[in-house]
Amino acid sequence: MISCETKVINQTGLHARPAAMLCSEANKFKCDIKIKKLDEKGMTANAKSIIRILSLGVSMGTDVSVIADGEDEEAAVKHIVALIQSGFGEI
């Protein structure tokens, strides 16, 4: 299992379109991928479920951790973190 922390930088956070993009990209990997909101509640969601991602309520400036476990975990974390850091094409 590996993880990497990053900050959500797009203005609208993980609303419908970025959540759909994240979910679509996560589903390209075989490993389990989770997104953890790094706040006092520490909620975690399956990155392959758009409903779960939306339920986190991640807004701009929120720190999150991308956690993957499985055969392609390293590539998955790098890819998902890069997507988040790109601002989902909204910047």
C-alpha atoms as a PDB file:
ATOM      1  CA  MET A   1       0.000   0.000   0.000  1.00  0.00           C
ATOM      2  CA  ILE A   2       1.277   3.473  -0.856  1.00  0.00           C
ATOM      3  CA  SER A   3      -0.144   6.951  -0.430  1.00  0.00           C
ATOM      4  CA  CYS A   4       0.597  10.525  -1.360  1.00  0.00           C
ATOM      5  CA  GLU A   5      -0.811  13.789  -0.032  1.00  0.00           C
ATOM      6  CA  THR A   6      -1.811  16.693  -2.261  1.00  0.00           C
ATOM      7  CA  LYS A   7      -4.029  19.778  -2.251  1.00  0.00           C
ATOM      8  CA  VAL A   8      -7.137  20.260  -4.396  1.00  0.00           C
ATOM      9  CA  ILE A   9      -6.423  23.451  -6.346  1.00  0.00           C
ATOM     10  CA  ASN A  10      -9.320  23.847  -8.750  1.00  0.00           C
ATOM     11  CA  GLN A  11     -11.817  26.513  -7.703  1.00  0.00           C
ATOM     12  CA  THR A  12     -14.843  24.223  -7.428  1.00  0.00           C
ATOM     13  CA  GLY A  13     -13.160  21.298  -5.664  1.00  0.00           C
ATOM     14  CA  LEU A  14     -14.362  17.779  -6.374  1.00  0.00           C
ATOM     15  CA  HIS A  15     -17.765  18.679  -7.793  1.00  0.00           C
ATOM     16  CA  ALA A  16     -19.500  16.525 -10.425  1.00  0.00           C
ATOM     17  CA  ARG A  17     -17.170  16.905 -13.423  1.00  0.00           C
ATOM     18  CA  PRO A  18     -13.834  16.518 -11.592  1.00  0.00           C
ATOM     19  CA  ALA A  19     -15.280  13.671  -9.516  1.00  0.00           C
ATOM     20  CA  ALA A  20     -16.379  11.929 -12.709  1.00  0.00           C
ATOM     21  CA  MET A  21     -12.911  12.431 -14.212  1.00  0.00           C
ATOM     22  CA  LEU A  22     -11.233  11.093 -11.084  1.00  0.00           C
ATOM     23  CA  CYS A  23     -13.560   8.080 -10.965  1.00  0.00           C
ATOM     24  CA  SER A  24     -13.023   7.326 -14.661  1.00  0.00           C
ATOM     25  CA  GLU A  25      -9.243   7.464 -14.285  1.00  0.00           C
ATOM     26  CA  ALA A  26      -9.274   5.388 -11.088  1.00  0.00           C
ATOM     27  CA  ASN A  27     -11.262   2.661 -12.841  1.00  0.00           C
ATOM     28  CA  LYS A  28      -8.397   2.197 -15.321  1.00  0.00           C
ATOM     29  CA  PHE A  29      -6.323   0.600 -12.550  1.00  0.00           C
ATOM     30  CA  LYS A  30      -6.679  -2.854 -10.998  1.00  0.00           C
ATOM     31  CA  CYS A  31      -5.731  -1.809  -7.458  1.00  0.00           C
ATOM     32  CA  ASP A  32      -8.045  -0.420  -4.796  1.00  0.00           C
ATOM     33  CA  ILE A  33      -7.828   3.382  -4.672  1.00  0.00           C
ATOM     34  CA  LYS A  34      -9.163   5.595  -1.916  1.00  0.00           C
ATOM     35  CA  ILE A  35      -9.309   9.349  -1.403  1.00  0.00           C
ATOM     36  CA  LYS A  36      -8.979  10.518   2.191  1.00  0.00           C
ATOM     37  CA  LYS A  37      -9.956  14.030   3.196  1.00  0.00           C
ATOM     38  CA  LEU A  38      -7.257  15.288   5.545  1.00  0.00           C
ATOM     39  CA  ASP A  39      -9.315  17.183   8.072  1.00  0.00           C
ATOM     40  CA  GLU A  40     -10.585  16.516  11.578  1.00  0.00           C
ATOM     41  CA  LYS A  41     -13.110  13.900  10.358  1.00  0.00           C
ATOM     42  CA  GLY A  42     -10.696  12.087   8.042  1.00  0.00           C
ATOM     43  CA  MET A  43     -13.438  10.716   5.789  1.00  0.00           C
ATOM     44  CA  THR A  44     -12.319   8.187   3.171  1.00  0.00           C
ATOM     45  CA  ALA A  45     -14.021   7.261  -0.100  1.00  0.00           C
ATOM     46  CA  ASN A  46     -13.556   4.668  -2.813  1.00  0.00           C
ATOM     47  CA  ALA A  47     -12.084   6.609  -5.756  1.00  0.00           C
ATOM     48  CA  LYS A  48     -13.890   4.294  -8.179  1.00  0.00           C
ATOM     49  CA  SER A  49     -17.311   5.505  -6.975  1.00  0.00           C
ATOM     50  CA  ILE A  50     -18.473   8.964  -8.026  1.00  0.00           C
ATOM     51  CA  ILE A  51     -21.138   9.009  -5.299  1.00  0.00           C
ATOM     52  CA  ARG A  52     -18.542   8.267  -2.623  1.00  0.00           C
ATOM     53  CA  ILE A  53     -16.186  10.950  -3.968  1.00  0.00           C
ATOM     54  CA  LEU A  54     -18.972  13.540  -3.979  1.00  0.00           C
ATOM     55  CA  SER A  55     -19.949  12.555  -0.427  1.00  0.00           C
ATOM     56  CA  LEU A  56     -16.558  13.774   0.835  1.00  0.00           C
ATOM     57  CA  GLY A  57     -17.478  17.390   0.051  1.00  0.00           C
ATOM     58  CA  VAL A  58     -13.948  18.327  -1.019  1.00  0.00           C
ATOM     59  CA  SER A  59     -13.583  22.038  -1.766  1.00  0.00           C
ATOM     60  CA  MET A  60     -10.721  24.152  -3.098  1.00  0.00           C
ATOM     61  CA  GLY A  61      -7.719  24.147  -0.784  1.00  0.00           C
ATOM     62  CA  THR A  62      -8.574  20.841   0.872  1.00  0.00           C
ATOM     63  CA  ASP A  63      -5.682  18.497   1.550  1.00  0.00           C
ATOM     64  CA  VAL A  64      -6.336  14.913   0.483  1.00  0.00           C
ATOM     65  CA  SER A  65      -4.405  11.679   0.495  1.00  0.00           C
ATOM     66  CA  VAL A  66      -4.533   9.256  -2.424  1.00  0.00           C
ATOM     67  CA  ILE A  67      -4.115   5.699  -1.142  1.00  0.00           C
ATOM     68  CA  ALA A  68      -3.725   2.645  -3.366  1.00  0.00           C
ATOM     69  CA  ASP A  69      -3.269  -1.023  -2.622  1.00  0.00           C
ATOM     70  CA  GLY A  70      -2.643  -3.658  -5.272  1.00  0.00           C
ATOM     71  CA  GLU A  71      -0.467  -4.648  -8.196  1.00  0.00           C
ATOM     72  CA  ASP A  72      -0.432  -1.271  -9.994  1.00  0.00           C
ATOM     73  CA  GLU A  73      -0.641   0.914  -6.876  1.00  0.00           C
ATOM     74  CA  GLU A  74       2.402   3.089  -7.590  1.00  0.00           C
ATOM     75  CA  ALA A  75       1.238   4.034 -11.099  1.00  0.00           C
ATOM     76  CA  ALA A  76      -2.291   4.654  -9.812  1.00  0.00           C
ATOM     77  CA  VAL A  77      -1.198   7.040  -7.071  1.00  0.00           C
ATOM     78  CA  LYS A  78       1.111   8.966  -9.407  1.00  0.00           C
ATOM     79  CA  HIS A  79      -1.623   9.279 -12.036  1.00  0.00           C
ATOM     80  CA  ILE A  80      -4.422  10.342  -9.661  1.00  0.00           C
ATOM     81  CA  VAL A  81      -2.189  12.838  -7.807  1.00  0.00           C
ATOM     82  CA  ALA A  82      -1.108  14.344 -11.144  1.00  0.00           C
ATOM     83  CA  LEU A  83      -4.766  14.678 -12.160  1.00  0.00           C
ATOM     84  CA  ILE A  84      -5.630  16.479  -8.916  1.00  0.00           C
ATOM     85  CA  GLN A  85      -2.577  18.741  -9.204  1.00  0.00           C
ATOM     86  CA  SER A  86      -3.539  19.627 -12.773  1.00  0.00           C
ATOM     87  CA  GLY A  87      -6.744  21.202 -11.465  1.00  0.00           C
ATOM     88  CA  PHE A  88      -8.781  18.860 -13.688  1.00  0.00           C
ATOM     89  CA  GLY A  89      -8.267  21.251 -16.587  1.00  0.00           C
ATOM     90  CA  GLU A  90     -10.151  24.039 -14.773  1.00  0.00           C
ATOM     91  CA  ILE A  91      -7.145  26.258 -14.074  1.00  0.00           C
END
